[in-house]
PDB file of N, CA and C in Angstrom:
ATOM      1  N   MET A   1      72.489 119.816 105.566  1.00  0.00           N
ATOM      2  CA  MET A   1      71.378 119.689 104.669  1.00  0.00           C
ATOM      3  C   MET A   1      71.037 118.209 104.463  1.00  0.00           C
ATOM      4  N   TYR A   2      72.030 117.378 104.164  1.00  0.00           N
ATOM      5  CA  TYR A   2      71.780 115.961 104.002  1.00  0.00           C
ATOM      6  C   TYR A   2      72.181 115.241 105.277  1.00  0.00           C
ATOM      7  N   GLN A   3      71.368 114.299 105.660  1.00  0.00           N
ATOM      8  CA  GLN A   3      71.565 113.625 106.934  1.00  0.00           C
ATOM      9  C   GLN A   3      72.690 112.594 106.879  1.00  0.00           C
ATOM     10  N   HIS A   4      72.918 111.984 105.744  1.00  0.00           N
ATOM     11  CA  HIS A   4      73.895 110.904 105.641  1.00  0.00           C
ATOM     12  C   HIS A   4      75.119 111.317 104.822  1.00  0.00           C
ATOM     13  N   ASP A   5      75.553 112.553 104.947  1.00  0.00           N
ATOM     14  CA  ASP A   5      76.739 113.004 104.222  1.00  0.00           C
ATOM     15  C   ASP A   5      78.008 112.323 104.698  1.00  0.00           C
ATOM     16  N   TRP A   6      78.016 111.808 105.917  1.00  0.00           N
ATOM     17  CA  TRP A   6      79.216 111.165 106.444  1.00  0.00           C
ATOM     18  C   TRP A   6      79.584 109.922 105.641  1.00  0.00           C
ATOM     19  N   ILE A   7      78.606 109.276 105.034  1.00  0.00           N
ATOM     20  CA  ILE A   7      78.881 108.094 104.218  1.00  0.00           C
ATOM     21  C   ILE A   7      79.695 108.493 102.987  1.00  0.00           C
ATOM     22  N   PHE A   8      79.308 109.582 102.344  1.00  0.00           N
ATOM     23  CA  PHE A   8      80.038 110.055 101.177  1.00  0.00           C
ATOM     24  C   PHE A   8      81.415 110.576 101.561  1.00  0.00           C
ATOM     25  N   ASP A   9      81.503 111.233 102.719  1.00  0.00           N
ATOM     26  CA  ASP A   9      82.802 111.709 103.190  1.00  0.00           C
ATOM     27  C   ASP A   9      83.743 110.544 103.479  1.00  0.00           C
ATOM     28  N   LEU A  10      83.217 109.480 104.081  1.00  0.00           N
ATOM     29  CA  LEU A  10      84.029 108.302 104.363  1.00  0.00           C
ATOM     30  C   LEU A  10      84.487 107.641 103.071  1.00  0.00           C
ATOM     31  N   ALA A  11      83.597 107.503 102.116  1.00  0.00           N
ATOM     32  CA  ALA A  11      83.960 106.894 100.830  1.00  0.00           C
ATOM     33  C   ALA A  11      85.004 107.747 100.108  1.00  0.00           C
ATOM     34  N   ASP A  12      84.877 109.059 100.180  1.00  0.00           N
ATOM     35  CA  ASP A  12      85.844 109.940  99.562  1.00  0.00           C
ATOM     36  C   ASP A  12      87.201 109.826 100.246  1.00  0.00           C
ATOM     37  N   ARG A  13      87.194 109.743 101.559  1.00  0.00           N
ATOM     38  CA  ARG A  13      88.448 109.627 102.321  1.00  0.00           C
ATOM     39  C   ARG A  13      89.147 108.305 102.028  1.00  0.00           C
ATOM     40  N   LEU A  14      88.381 107.219 101.907  1.00  0.00           N
ATOM     41  CA  LEU A  14      88.986 105.920 101.626  1.00  0.00           C
ATOM     42  C   LEU A  14      89.473 105.792 100.192  1.00  0.00           C
ATOM     43  N   SER A  15      88.923 106.602  99.281  1.00  0.00           N
ATOM     44  CA  SER A  15      89.378 106.535  97.888  1.00  0.00           C
ATOM     45  C   SER A  15      90.635 107.361  97.667  1.00  0.00           C
ATOM     46  N   ASP A  16      90.976 108.261  98.599  1.00  0.00           N
ATOM     47  CA  ASP A  16      92.229 109.009  98.498  1.00  0.00           C
ATOM     48  C   ASP A  16      93.395 108.083  98.805  1.00  0.00           C
ATOM     49  N   GLY A  17      94.572 108.517  98.448  1.00  0.00           N
ATOM     50  CA  GLY A  17      95.763 107.749  98.779  1.00  0.00           C
ATOM     51  C   GLY A  17      96.007 107.776 100.283  1.00  0.00           C
ATOM     52  N   PRO A  18      96.741 106.803 100.793  1.00  0.00           N
ATOM     53  CA  PRO A  18      97.002 106.767 102.231  1.00  0.00           C
ATOM     54  C   PRO A  18      97.919 107.906 102.639  1.00  0.00           C
ATOM     55  N   ASP A  19      97.654 108.470 103.781  1.00  0.00           N
ATOM     56  CA  ASP A  19      98.494 109.550 104.270  1.00  0.00           C
ATOM     57  C   ASP A  19      99.366 109.028 105.406  1.00  0.00           C
ATOM     58  N   GLY A  20     100.506 109.618 105.563  1.00  0.00           N
ATOM     59  CA  GLY A  20     101.423 109.217 106.616  1.00  0.00           C
ATOM     60  C   GLY A  20     102.766 108.817 106.047  1.00  0.00           C
ATOM     61  N   GLY A  21     103.667 108.526 106.939  1.00  0.00           N
ATOM     62  CA  GLY A  21     105.019 108.149 106.546  1.00  0.00           C
ATOM     63  C   GLY A  21     105.405 106.830 107.163  1.00  0.00           C
ATOM     64  N   PRO A  22     106.699 106.690 107.484  1.00  0.00           N
ATOM     65  CA  PRO A  22     107.175 105.417 108.007  1.00  0.00           C
ATOM     66  C   PRO A  22     106.597 105.061 109.378  1.00  0.00           C
ATOM     67  N   ILE A  23     106.307 106.054 110.193  1.00  0.00           N
ATOM     68  CA  ILE A  23     105.737 105.763 111.519  1.00  0.00           C
ATOM     69  C   ILE A  23     104.311 105.255 111.372  1.00  0.00           C
ATOM     70  N   THR A  24     103.518 105.901 110.545  1.00  0.00           N
ATOM     71  CA  THR A  24     102.154 105.438 110.285  1.00  0.00           C
ATOM     72  C   THR A  24     102.180 104.061 109.649  1.00  0.00           C
ATOM     73  N   ARG A  25     103.139 103.845 108.752  1.00  0.00           N
ATOM     74  CA  ARG A  25     103.253 102.544 108.097  1.00  0.00           C
ATOM     75  C   ARG A  25     103.481 101.439 109.117  1.00  0.00           C
ATOM     76  N   ARG A  26     104.318 101.703 110.103  1.00  0.00           N
ATOM     77  CA  ARG A  26     104.613 100.666 111.093  1.00  0.00           C
ATOM     78  C   ARG A  26     103.509 100.512 112.129  1.00  0.00           C
ATOM     79  N   ILE A  27     103.003 101.625 112.630  1.00  0.00           N
ATOM     80  CA  ILE A  27     101.991 101.546 113.694  1.00  0.00           C
ATOM     81  C   ILE A  27     100.660 101.037 113.160  1.00  0.00           C
ATOM     82  N   VAL A  28     100.167 101.645 112.087  1.00  0.00           N
ATOM     83  CA  VAL A  28      98.857 101.269 111.547  1.00  0.00           C
ATOM     84  C   VAL A  28      98.979 100.072 110.613  1.00  0.00           C
ATOM     85  N   GLY A  29      99.908 100.138 109.662  1.00  0.00           N
ATOM     86  CA  GLY A  29     100.022  99.103 108.645  1.00  0.00           C
ATOM     87  C   GLY A  29     100.492  97.761 109.153  1.00  0.00           C
ATOM     88  N   VAL A  30     101.268  97.766 110.242  1.00  0.00           N
ATOM     89  CA  VAL A  30     101.725  96.503 110.806  1.00  0.00           C
ATOM     90  C   VAL A  30     101.034  96.227 112.133  1.00  0.00           C
ATOM     91  N   GLY A  31     101.103  97.184 113.068  1.00  0.00           N
ATOM     92  CA  GLY A  31     100.576  96.968 114.415  1.00  0.00           C
ATOM     93  C   GLY A  31      99.078  96.760 114.475  1.00  0.00           C
ATOM     94  N   THR A  32      98.337  97.725 113.984  1.00  0.00           N
ATOM     95  CA  THR A  32      96.873  97.630 114.026  1.00  0.00           C
ATOM     96  C   THR A  32      96.366  96.471 113.165  1.00  0.00           C
ATOM     97  N   ALA A  33      96.958  96.325 111.992  1.00  0.00           N
ATOM     98  CA  ALA A  33      96.546  95.220 111.118  1.00  0.00           C
ATOM     99  C   ALA A  33      96.834  93.870 111.770  1.00  0.00           C
ATOM    100  N   ALA A  34      97.954  93.762 112.469  1.00  0.00           N
ATOM    101  CA  ALA A  34      98.294  92.501 113.131  1.00  0.00           C
ATOM    102  C   ALA A  34      97.335  92.201 114.275  1.00  0.00           C
ATOM    103  N   VAL A  35      96.990  93.224 115.069  1.00  0.00           N
ATOM    104  CA  VAL A  35      96.067  93.010 116.193  1.00  0.00           C
ATOM    105  C   VAL A  35      94.708  92.543 115.680  1.00  0.00           C
ATOM    106  N   VAL A  36      94.186  93.218 114.672  1.00  0.00           N
ATOM    107  CA  VAL A  36      92.877  92.849 114.121  1.00  0.00           C
ATOM    108  C   VAL A  36      92.936  91.477 113.450  1.00  0.00           C
ATOM    109  N   GLY A  37      93.978  91.233 112.672  1.00  0.00           N
ATOM    110  CA  GLY A  37      94.102  89.963 111.973  1.00  0.00           C
ATOM    111  C   GLY A  37      94.329  88.782 112.911  1.00  0.00           C
ATOM    112  N   ILE A  38      95.141  88.978 113.943  1.00  0.00           N
ATOM    113  CA  ILE A  38      95.401  87.892 114.887  1.00  0.00           C
ATOM    114  C   ILE A  38      94.151  87.576 115.698  1.00  0.00           C
ATOM    115  N   TYR A  39      93.393  88.618 116.086  1.00  0.00           N
ATOM    116  CA  TYR A  39      92.143  88.336 116.797  1.00  0.00           C
ATOM    117  C   TYR A  39      91.158  87.592 115.888  1.00  0.00           C
ATOM    118  N   GLY A  40      91.119  87.958 114.613  1.00  0.00           N
ATOM    119  CA  GLY A  40      90.269  87.248 113.665  1.00  0.00           C
ATOM    120  C   GLY A  40      90.703  85.803 113.487  1.00  0.00           C
ATOM    121  N   LEU A  41      92.004  85.568 113.422  1.00  0.00           N
ATOM    122  CA  LEU A  41      92.514  84.199 113.320  1.00  0.00           C
ATOM    123  C   LEU A  41      92.197  83.405 114.582  1.00  0.00           C
ATOM    124  N   ARG A  42      92.308  84.046 115.737  1.00  0.00           N
ATOM    125  CA  ARG A  42      91.964  83.401 117.002  1.00  0.00           C
ATOM    126  C   ARG A  42      90.489  83.006 117.027  1.00  0.00           C
ATOM    127  N   CYS A  43      89.626  83.911 116.546  1.00  0.00           N
ATOM    128  CA  CYS A  43      88.188  83.604 116.490  1.00  0.00           C
ATOM    129  C   CYS A  43      87.923  82.385 115.607  1.00  0.00           C
ATOM    130  N   CYS A  44      88.652  82.276 114.502  1.00  0.00           N
ATOM    131  CA  CYS A  44      88.462  81.135 113.602  1.00  0.00           C
ATOM    132  C   CYS A  44      88.947  79.832 114.228  1.00  0.00           C
ATOM    133  N   LEU A  45      90.100  79.883 114.880  1.00  0.00           N
ATOM    134  CA  LEU A  45      90.677  78.668 115.435  1.00  0.00           C
ATOM    135  C   LEU A  45      89.950  78.183 116.682  1.00  0.00           C
ATOM    136  N   VAL A  46      89.586  79.107 117.568  1.00  0.00           N
ATOM    137  CA  VAL A  46      88.937  78.739 118.826  1.00  0.00           C
ATOM    138  C   VAL A  46      87.424  78.586 118.643  1.00  0.00           C
ATOM    139  N   GLN A  47      86.893  79.158 117.567  1.00  0.00           N
ATOM    140  CA  GLN A  47      85.461  79.171 117.268  1.00  0.00           C
ATOM    141  C   GLN A  47      84.665  79.863 118.367  1.00  0.00           C
ATOM    142  N   ARG A  48      85.220  80.960 118.845  1.00  0.00           N
ATOM    143  CA  ARG A  48      84.551  81.776 119.866  1.00  0.00           C
ATOM    144  C   ARG A  48      84.971  83.221 119.634  1.00  0.00           C
ATOM    145  N   ALA A  49      84.008  84.127 119.561  1.00  0.00           N
ATOM    146  CA  ALA A  49      84.290  85.540 119.321  1.00  0.00           C
ATOM    147  C   ALA A  49      83.447  86.388 120.254  1.00  0.00           C
ATOM    148  N   THR A  50      84.038  87.448 120.769  1.00  0.00           N
ATOM    149  CA  THR A  50      83.323  88.401 121.621  1.00  0.00           C
ATOM    150  C   THR A  50      83.391  89.770 120.966  1.00  0.00           C
ATOM    151  N   THR A  51      82.255  90.432 120.850  1.00  0.00           N
ATOM    152  CA  THR A  51      82.183  91.746 120.234  1.00  0.00           C
ATOM    153  C   THR A  51      81.132  92.582 120.955  1.00  0.00           C
ATOM    154  N   ILE A  52      81.037  93.838 120.592  1.00  0.00           N
ATOM    155  CA  ILE A  52      80.038  94.729 121.183  1.00  0.00           C
ATOM    156  C   ILE A  52      78.678  94.400 120.590  1.00  0.00           C
ATOM    157  N   ASN A  53      77.677  94.331 121.430  1.00  0.00           N
ATOM    158  CA  ASN A  53      76.312  94.046 120.990  1.00  0.00           C
ATOM    159  C   ASN A  53      75.716  95.326 120.407  1.00  0.00           C
ATOM    160  N   LEU A  54      75.608  95.382 119.100  1.00  0.00           N
ATOM    161  CA  LEU A  54      75.101  96.580 118.430  1.00  0.00           C
ATOM    162  C   LEU A  54      73.597  96.735 118.562  1.00  0.00           C
ATOM    163  N   ALA A  55      72.915  95.719 119.027  1.00  0.00           N
ATOM    164  CA  ALA A  55      71.466  95.814 119.192  1.00  0.00           C
ATOM    165  C   ALA A  55      71.094  96.779 120.317  1.00  0.00           C
ATOM    166  N   HIS A  56      72.022  97.033 121.253  1.00  0.00           N
ATOM    167  CA  HIS A  56      71.743  97.948 122.365  1.00  0.00           C
ATOM    168  C   HIS A  56      72.250  99.356 122.092  1.00  0.00           C
ATOM    169  N   ARG A  57      72.738  99.605 120.881  1.00  0.00           N
ATOM    170  CA  ARG A  57      73.197 100.919 120.438  1.00  0.00           C
ATOM    171  C   ARG A  57      74.264 101.502 121.357  1.00  0.00           C
ATOM    172  N   GLY A  58      75.151 100.651 121.857  1.00  0.00           N
ATOM    173  CA  GLY A  58      76.281 101.106 122.645  1.00  0.00           C
ATOM    174  C   GLY A  58      75.975 101.443 124.086  1.00  0.00           C
ATOM    175  N   GLN A  59      74.751 101.236 124.535  1.00  0.00           N
ATOM    176  CA  GLN A  59      74.418 101.555 125.920  1.00  0.00           C
ATOM    177  C   GLN A  59      74.894 100.424 126.823  1.00  0.00           C
ATOM    178  N   MET A  60      75.410 100.806 127.985  1.00  0.00           N
ATOM    179  CA  MET A  60      75.886  99.800 128.927  1.00  0.00           C
ATOM    180  C   MET A  60      74.693  99.038 129.490  1.00  0.00           C
ATOM    181  N   SER A  61      74.782  97.731 129.437  1.00  0.00           N
ATOM    182  CA  SER A  61      73.750  96.863 129.972  1.00  0.00           C
ATOM    183  C   SER A  61      74.392  95.501 130.228  1.00  0.00           C
ATOM    184  N   PRO A  62      73.696  94.609 130.887  1.00  0.00           N
ATOM    185  CA  PRO A  62      74.278  93.285 131.073  1.00  0.00           C
ATOM    186  C   PRO A  62      74.581  92.563 129.765  1.00  0.00           C
ATOM    187  N   GLU A  63      73.910  92.945 128.715  1.00  0.00           N
ATOM    188  CA  GLU A  63      74.123  92.327 127.409  1.00  0.00           C
ATOM    189  C   GLU A  63      74.942  93.230 126.495  1.00  0.00           C
ATOM    190  N   PHE A  64      75.900  93.999 127.067  1.00  0.00           N
ATOM    191  CA  PHE A  64      76.725  94.905 126.281  1.00  0.00           C
ATOM    192  C   PHE A  64      77.637  94.128 125.336  1.00  0.00           C
ATOM    193  N   TRP A  65      78.128  92.983 125.769  1.00  0.00           N
ATOM    194  CA  TRP A  65      79.002  92.152 124.950  1.00  0.00           C
ATOM    195  C   TRP A  65      78.208  91.032 124.300  1.00  0.00           C
ATOM    196  N   ARG A  66      78.540  90.735 123.077  1.00  0.00           N
ATOM    197  CA  ARG A  66      77.886  89.662 122.325  1.00  0.00           C
ATOM    198  C   ARG A  66      78.926  88.580 122.060  1.00  0.00           C
ATOM    199  N   GLU A  67      78.582  87.346 122.321  1.00  0.00           N
ATOM    200  CA  GLU A  67      79.510  86.245 122.099  1.00  0.00           C
ATOM    201  C   GLU A  67      78.955  85.311 121.030  1.00  0.00           C
ATOM    202  N   TYR A  68      79.818  85.008 120.070  1.00  0.00           N
ATOM    203  CA  TYR A  68      79.472  84.068 119.011  1.00  0.00           C
ATOM    204  C   TYR A  68      80.248  82.779 119.241  1.00  0.00           C
ATOM    205  N   ILE A  69      79.592  81.654 119.010  1.00  0.00           N
ATOM    206  CA  ILE A  69      80.220  80.357 119.174  1.00  0.00           C
ATOM    207  C   ILE A  69      79.946  79.528 117.913  1.00  0.00           C
ATOM    208  N   GLY A  70      80.965  78.822 117.431  1.00  0.00           N
ATOM    209  CA  GLY A  70      80.799  77.952 116.273  1.00  0.00           C
ATOM    210  C   GLY A  70      80.955  78.679 114.952  1.00  0.00           C
ATOM    211  N   THR A  71      80.083  78.379 114.021  1.00  0.00           N
ATOM    212  CA  THR A  71      80.161  78.936 112.672  1.00  0.00           C
ATOM    213  C   THR A  71      80.060  80.465 112.640  1.00  0.00           C
ATOM    214  N   PRO A  72      79.167  81.107 113.415  1.00  0.00           N
ATOM    215  CA  PRO A  72      79.171  82.579 113.404  1.00  0.00           C
ATOM    216  C   PRO A  72      80.499  83.175 113.877  1.00  0.00           C
ATOM    217  N   ALA A  73      81.177  82.515 114.803  1.00  0.00           N
ATOM    218  CA  ALA A  73      82.478  83.004 115.257  1.00  0.00           C
ATOM    219  C   ALA A  73      83.522  82.874 114.154  1.00  0.00           C
ATOM    220  N   ILE A  74      83.446  81.807 113.377  1.00  0.00           N
ATOM    221  CA  ILE A  74      84.386  81.626 112.266  1.00  0.00           C
ATOM    222  C   ILE A  74      84.155  82.697 111.203  1.00  0.00           C
ATOM    223  N   THR A  75      82.895  82.954 110.875  1.00  0.00           N
ATOM    224  CA  THR A  75      82.619  83.984 109.853  1.00  0.00           C
ATOM    225  C   THR A  75      82.996  85.374 110.360  1.00  0.00           C
ATOM    226  N   PHE A  76      82.809  85.627 111.665  1.00  0.00           N
ATOM    227  CA  PHE A  76      83.237  86.906 112.236  1.00  0.00           C
ATOM    228  C   PHE A  76      84.757  87.027 112.188  1.00  0.00           C
ATOM    229  N   GLY A  77      85.451  85.931 112.450  1.00  0.00           N
ATOM    230  CA  GLY A  77      86.905  85.934 112.355  1.00  0.00           C
ATOM    231  C   GLY A  77      87.386  86.201 110.938  1.00  0.00           C
ATOM    232  N   MET A  78      86.722  85.621 109.963  1.00  0.00           N
ATOM    233  CA  MET A  78      87.082  85.879 108.567  1.00  0.00           C
ATOM    234  C   MET A  78      86.850  87.346 108.203  1.00  0.00           C
ATOM    235  N   LEU A  79      85.780  87.912 108.732  1.00  0.00           N
ATOM    236  CA  LEU A  79      85.498  89.328 108.508  1.00  0.00           C
ATOM    237  C   LEU A  79      86.625  90.178 109.081  1.00  0.00           C
ATOM    238  N   LEU A  80      87.095  89.855 110.286  1.00  0.00           N
ATOM    239  CA  LEU A  80      88.186  90.613 110.898  1.00  0.00           C
ATOM    240  C   LEU A  80      89.498  90.428 110.144  1.00  0.00           C
ATOM    241  N   ILE A  81      89.737  89.247 109.622  1.00  0.00           N
ATOM    242  CA  ILE A  81      90.942  89.030 108.821  1.00  0.00           C
ATOM    243  C   ILE A  81      90.918  89.902 107.572  1.00  0.00           C
ATOM    244  N   CYS A  82      89.755  90.033 106.947  1.00  0.00           N
ATOM    245  CA  CYS A  82      89.625  90.913 105.774  1.00  0.00           C
ATOM    246  C   CYS A  82      89.879  92.368 106.146  1.00  0.00           C
ATOM    247  N   VAL A  83      89.396  92.792 107.309  1.00  0.00           N
ATOM    248  CA  VAL A  83      89.648  94.163 107.770  1.00  0.00           C
ATOM    249  C   VAL A  83      91.140  94.362 108.028  1.00  0.00           C
ATOM    250  N   GLY A  84      91.783  93.384 108.652  1.00  0.00           N
ATOM    251  CA  GLY A  84      93.220  93.472 108.897  1.00  0.00           C
ATOM    252  C   GLY A  84      94.024  93.542 107.608  1.00  0.00           C
ATOM    253  N   LEU A  85      93.622  92.756 106.615  1.00  0.00           N
ATOM    254  CA  LEU A  85      94.311  92.810 105.326  1.00  0.00           C
ATOM    255  C   LEU A  85      94.113  94.160 104.643  1.00  0.00           C
ATOM    256  N   PHE A  86      92.891  94.700 104.734  1.00  0.00           N
ATOM    257  CA  PHE A  86      92.641  96.028 104.159  1.00  0.00           C
ATOM    258  C   PHE A  86      93.538  97.074 104.814  1.00  0.00           C
ATOM    259  N   ILE A  87      93.612  97.051 106.139  1.00  0.00           N
ATOM    260  CA  ILE A  87      94.456  98.010 106.861  1.00  0.00           C
ATOM    261  C   ILE A  87      95.913  97.844 106.444  1.00  0.00           C
ATOM    262  N   HIS A  88      96.385  96.606 106.351  1.00  0.00           N
ATOM    263  CA  HIS A  88      97.780  96.359 105.982  1.00  0.00           C
ATOM    264  C   HIS A  88      98.082  96.850 104.565  1.00  0.00           C
ATOM    265  N   PHE A  89      97.258  96.464 103.614  1.00  0.00           N
ATOM    266  CA  PHE A  89      97.529  96.862 102.233  1.00  0.00           C
ATOM    267  C   PHE A  89      97.439  98.373 102.061  1.00  0.00           C
ATOM    268  N   ARG A  90      96.477  98.986 102.706  1.00  0.00           N
ATOM    269  CA  ARG A  90      96.284 100.426 102.529  1.00  0.00           C
ATOM    270  C   ARG A  90      97.397 101.233 103.185  1.00  0.00           C
ATOM    271  N   TRP A  91      97.729 100.945 104.430  1.00  0.00           N
ATOM    272  CA  TRP A  91      98.659 101.808 105.143  1.00  0.00           C
ATOM    273  C   TRP A  91     100.091 101.313 105.151  1.00  0.00           C
ATOM    274  N   TYR A  92     100.322 100.030 104.918  1.00  0.00           N
ATOM    275  CA  TYR A  92     101.716  99.589 104.806  1.00  0.00           C
ATOM    276  C   TYR A  92     102.176  99.670 103.354  1.00  0.00           C
ATOM    277  N   TRP A  93     101.463  98.978 102.470  1.00  0.00           N
ATOM    278  CA  TRP A  93     101.853  99.012 101.067  1.00  0.00           C
ATOM    279  C   TRP A  93     101.717 100.415 100.487  1.00  0.00           C
ATOM    280  N   GLY A  94     100.680 101.141 100.883  1.00  0.00           N
ATOM    281  CA  GLY A  94     100.451 102.480 100.333  1.00  0.00           C
ATOM    282  C   GLY A  94     101.482 103.500 100.762  1.00  0.00           C
ATOM    283  N   ASN A  95     102.174 103.269 101.869  1.00  0.00           N
ATOM    284  CA  ASN A  95     103.203 104.194 102.351  1.00  0.00           C
ATOM    285  C   ASN A  95     104.614 103.648 102.158  1.00  0.00           C
ATOM    286  N   HIS A  96     104.757 102.584 101.419  1.00  0.00           N
ATOM    287  CA  HIS A  96     106.069 101.976 101.153  1.00  0.00           C
ATOM    288  C   HIS A  96     106.573 102.467  99.802  1.00  0.00           C
ATOM    289  N   LYS A  97     107.885 102.718  99.704  1.00  0.00           N
ATOM    290  CA  LYS A  97     108.445 103.263  98.456  1.00  0.00           C
ATOM    291  C   LYS A  97     108.193 102.369  97.250  1.00  0.00           C
ATOM    292  N   ARG A  98     108.500 101.091  97.389  1.00  0.00           N
ATOM    293  CA  ARG A  98     108.383 100.186  96.244  1.00  0.00           C
ATOM    294  C   ARG A  98     106.990  99.597  96.080  1.00  0.00           C
ATOM    295  N   LEU A  99     106.269  99.432  97.174  1.00  0.00           N
ATOM    296  CA  LEU A  99     104.963  98.773  97.104  1.00  0.00           C
ATOM    297  C   LEU A  99     103.804  99.731  96.832  1.00  0.00           C
ATOM    298  N   GLN A 100     104.038 101.042  96.920  1.00  0.00           N
ATOM    299  CA  GLN A 100     102.932 101.993  96.767  1.00  0.00           C
ATOM    300  C   GLN A 100     102.303 101.968  95.379  1.00  0.00           C
ATOM    301  N   TYR A 101     102.986 101.452  94.398  1.00  0.00           N
ATOM    302  CA  TYR A 101     102.426 101.366  93.046  1.00  0.00           C
ATOM    303  C   TYR A 101     101.481 100.183  92.882  1.00  0.00           C
ATOM    304  N   TYR A 102     101.520  99.257  93.841  1.00  0.00           N
ATOM    305  CA  TYR A 102     100.737  98.030  93.727  1.00  0.00           C
ATOM    306  C   TYR A 102      99.667  97.880  94.792  1.00  0.00           C
ATOM    307  N   TYR A 103      99.489  98.858  95.681  1.00  0.00           N
ATOM    308  CA  TYR A 103      98.601  98.668  96.828  1.00  0.00           C
ATOM    309  C   TYR A 103      97.121  98.691  96.461  1.00  0.00           C
ATOM    310  N   GLU A 104      96.743  99.284  95.356  1.00  0.00           N
ATOM    311  CA  GLU A 104      95.321  99.442  95.033  1.00  0.00           C
ATOM    312  C   GLU A 104      94.634  98.117  94.711  1.00  0.00           C
ATOM    313  N   ILE A 105      95.307  97.221  94.019  1.00  0.00           N
ATOM    314  CA  ILE A 105      94.685  95.941  93.647  1.00  0.00           C
ATOM    315  C   ILE A 105      94.420  95.068  94.870  1.00  0.00           C
ATOM    316  N   PRO A 106      95.421  94.806  95.749  1.00  0.00           N
ATOM    317  CA  PRO A 106      95.099  93.998  96.932  1.00  0.00           C
ATOM    318  C   PRO A 106      94.125  94.684  97.882  1.00  0.00           C
ATOM    319  N   THR A 107      94.139  96.011  97.926  1.00  0.00           N
ATOM    320  CA  THR A 107      93.170  96.719  98.752  1.00  0.00           C
ATOM    321  C   THR A 107      91.758  96.493  98.217  1.00  0.00           C
ATOM    322  N   ALA A 108      91.585  96.586  96.918  1.00  0.00           N
ATOM    323  CA  ALA A 108      90.270  96.347  96.320  1.00  0.00           C
ATOM    324  C   ALA A 108      89.823  94.899  96.518  1.00  0.00           C
ATOM    325  N   ILE A 109      90.756  93.962  96.399  1.00  0.00           N
ATOM    326  CA  ILE A 109      90.416  92.554  96.619  1.00  0.00           C
ATOM    327  C   ILE A 109      89.993  92.327  98.064  1.00  0.00           C
ATOM    328  N   SER A 110      90.686  92.964  99.016  1.00  0.00           N
ATOM    329  CA  SER A 110      90.302  92.801 100.422  1.00  0.00           C
ATOM    330  C   SER A 110      88.928  93.409 100.692  1.00  0.00           C
ATOM    331  N   ILE A 111      88.573  94.476  99.996  1.00  0.00           N
ATOM    332  CA  ILE A 111      87.234  95.061 100.149  1.00  0.00           C
ATOM    333  C   ILE A 111      86.178  94.100  99.604  1.00  0.00           C
ATOM    334  N   VAL A 112      86.450  93.475  98.468  1.00  0.00           N
ATOM    335  CA  VAL A 112      85.505  92.513  97.899  1.00  0.00           C
ATOM    336  C   VAL A 112      85.308  91.344  98.858  1.00  0.00           C
ATOM    337  N   PHE A 113      86.404  90.814  99.392  1.00  0.00           N
ATOM    338  CA  PHE A 113      86.285  89.708 100.340  1.00  0.00           C
ATOM    339  C   PHE A 113      85.609  90.153 101.637  1.00  0.00           C
ATOM    340  N   PHE A 114      85.800  91.417 102.047  1.00  0.00           N
ATOM    341  CA  PHE A 114      85.108  91.938 103.223  1.00  0.00           C
ATOM    342  C   PHE A 114      83.601  91.952 102.994  1.00  0.00           C
ATOM    343  N   VAL A 115      83.168  92.400 101.832  1.00  0.00           N
ATOM    344  CA  VAL A 115      81.733  92.425 101.522  1.00  0.00           C
ATOM    345  C   VAL A 115      81.160  91.005 101.525  1.00  0.00           C
ATOM    346  N   ILE A 116      81.903  90.072 100.944  1.00  0.00           N
ATOM    347  CA  ILE A 116      81.458  88.675 100.955  1.00  0.00           C
ATOM    348  C   ILE A 116      81.418  88.144 102.385  1.00  0.00           C
ATOM    349  N   ALA A 117      82.460  88.437 103.169  1.00  0.00           N
ATOM    350  CA  ALA A 117      82.523  87.947 104.549  1.00  0.00           C
ATOM    351  C   ALA A 117      81.414  88.530 105.415  1.00  0.00           C
ATOM    352  N   ILE A 118      81.091  89.789 105.229  1.00  0.00           N
ATOM    353  CA  ILE A 118      80.014  90.381 106.031  1.00  0.00           C
ATOM    354  C   ILE A 118      78.663  89.795 105.630  1.00  0.00           C
ATOM    355  N   ALA A 119      78.471  89.523 104.344  1.00  0.00           N
ATOM    356  CA  ALA A 119      77.213  88.897 103.904  1.00  0.00           C
ATOM    357  C   ALA A 119      77.079  87.483 104.475  1.00  0.00           C
ATOM    358  N   VAL A 120      78.159  86.719 104.426  1.00  0.00           N
ATOM    359  CA  VAL A 120      78.128  85.361 104.970  1.00  0.00           C
ATOM    360  C   VAL A 120      77.936  85.397 106.480  1.00  0.00           C
ATOM    361  N   HIS A 121      78.604  86.336 107.149  1.00  0.00           N
ATOM    362  CA  HIS A 121      78.458  86.445 108.606  1.00  0.00           C
ATOM    363  C   HIS A 121      77.024  86.802 108.995  1.00  0.00           C
ATOM    364  N   LEU A 122      76.446  87.766 108.327  1.00  0.00           N
ATOM    365  CA  LEU A 122      75.063  88.132 108.638  1.00  0.00           C
ATOM    366  C   LEU A 122      74.110  86.977 108.360  1.00  0.00           C
ATOM    367  N   TRP A 123      74.363  86.248 107.275  1.00  0.00           N
ATOM    368  CA  TRP A 123      73.512  85.096 106.961  1.00  0.00           C
ATOM    369  C   TRP A 123      73.630  84.018 108.038  1.00  0.00           C
ATOM    370  N   THR A 124      74.858  83.739 108.493  1.00  0.00           N
ATOM    371  CA  THR A 124      75.013  82.712 109.520  1.00  0.00           C
ATOM    372  C   THR A 124      74.449  83.149 110.862  1.00  0.00           C
ATOM    373  N   VAL A 125      74.584  84.418 111.194  1.00  0.00           N
ATOM    374  CA  VAL A 125      74.036  84.899 112.479  1.00  0.00           C
ATOM    375  C   VAL A 125      72.517  84.811 112.450  1.00  0.00           C
ATOM    376  N   TRP A 126      71.889  85.222 111.355  1.00  0.00           N
ATOM    377  CA  TRP A 126      70.429  85.153 111.285  1.00  0.00           C
ATOM    378  C   TRP A 126      69.950  83.708 111.192  1.00  0.00           C
ATOM    379  N   ARG A 127      70.733  82.856 110.587  1.00  0.00           N
ATOM    380  CA  ARG A 127      70.351  81.446 110.460  1.00  0.00           C
ATOM    381  C   ARG A 127      70.483  80.722 111.791  1.00  0.00           C
ATOM    382  N   TRP A 128      71.499  81.054 112.579  1.00  0.00           N
ATOM    383  CA  TRP A 128      71.775  80.347 113.812  1.00  0.00           C
ATOM    384  C   TRP A 128      70.984  80.889 115.002  1.00  0.00           C
ATOM    385  N   THR A 129      70.384  82.067 114.867  1.00  0.00           N
ATOM    386  CA  THR A 129      69.617  82.619 116.001  1.00  0.00           C
ATOM    387  C   THR A 129      68.138  82.510 115.774  1.00  0.00           C
TER     388      THR A 129
END
């Protein structure tokens, strides 16, 4: 009936507590968060980032990959670091015996910084192009 119900479903799923046990905590909370965070740190340090070009809606073309250089790459790296922190706090802290009582505050802070980082990234991309 509603075309954009997936947005509400996603928001509802993210507001629930994290599911999984020690394996999910290690694979997602440490592994995935580390991969995303390290790539974001690399983008900041090298000032070069490669991502999928969303302007082509995922269709294969010579311009399938988008490369950012300089300030847009740094802001993209900061955005990825915020995503990595969100993943870590949600799935590592949320599935840890002692840390599960404290995971909501750093998760919310990482979401706030993600919103700020995406706004700054979009502003720098539009300013630099």
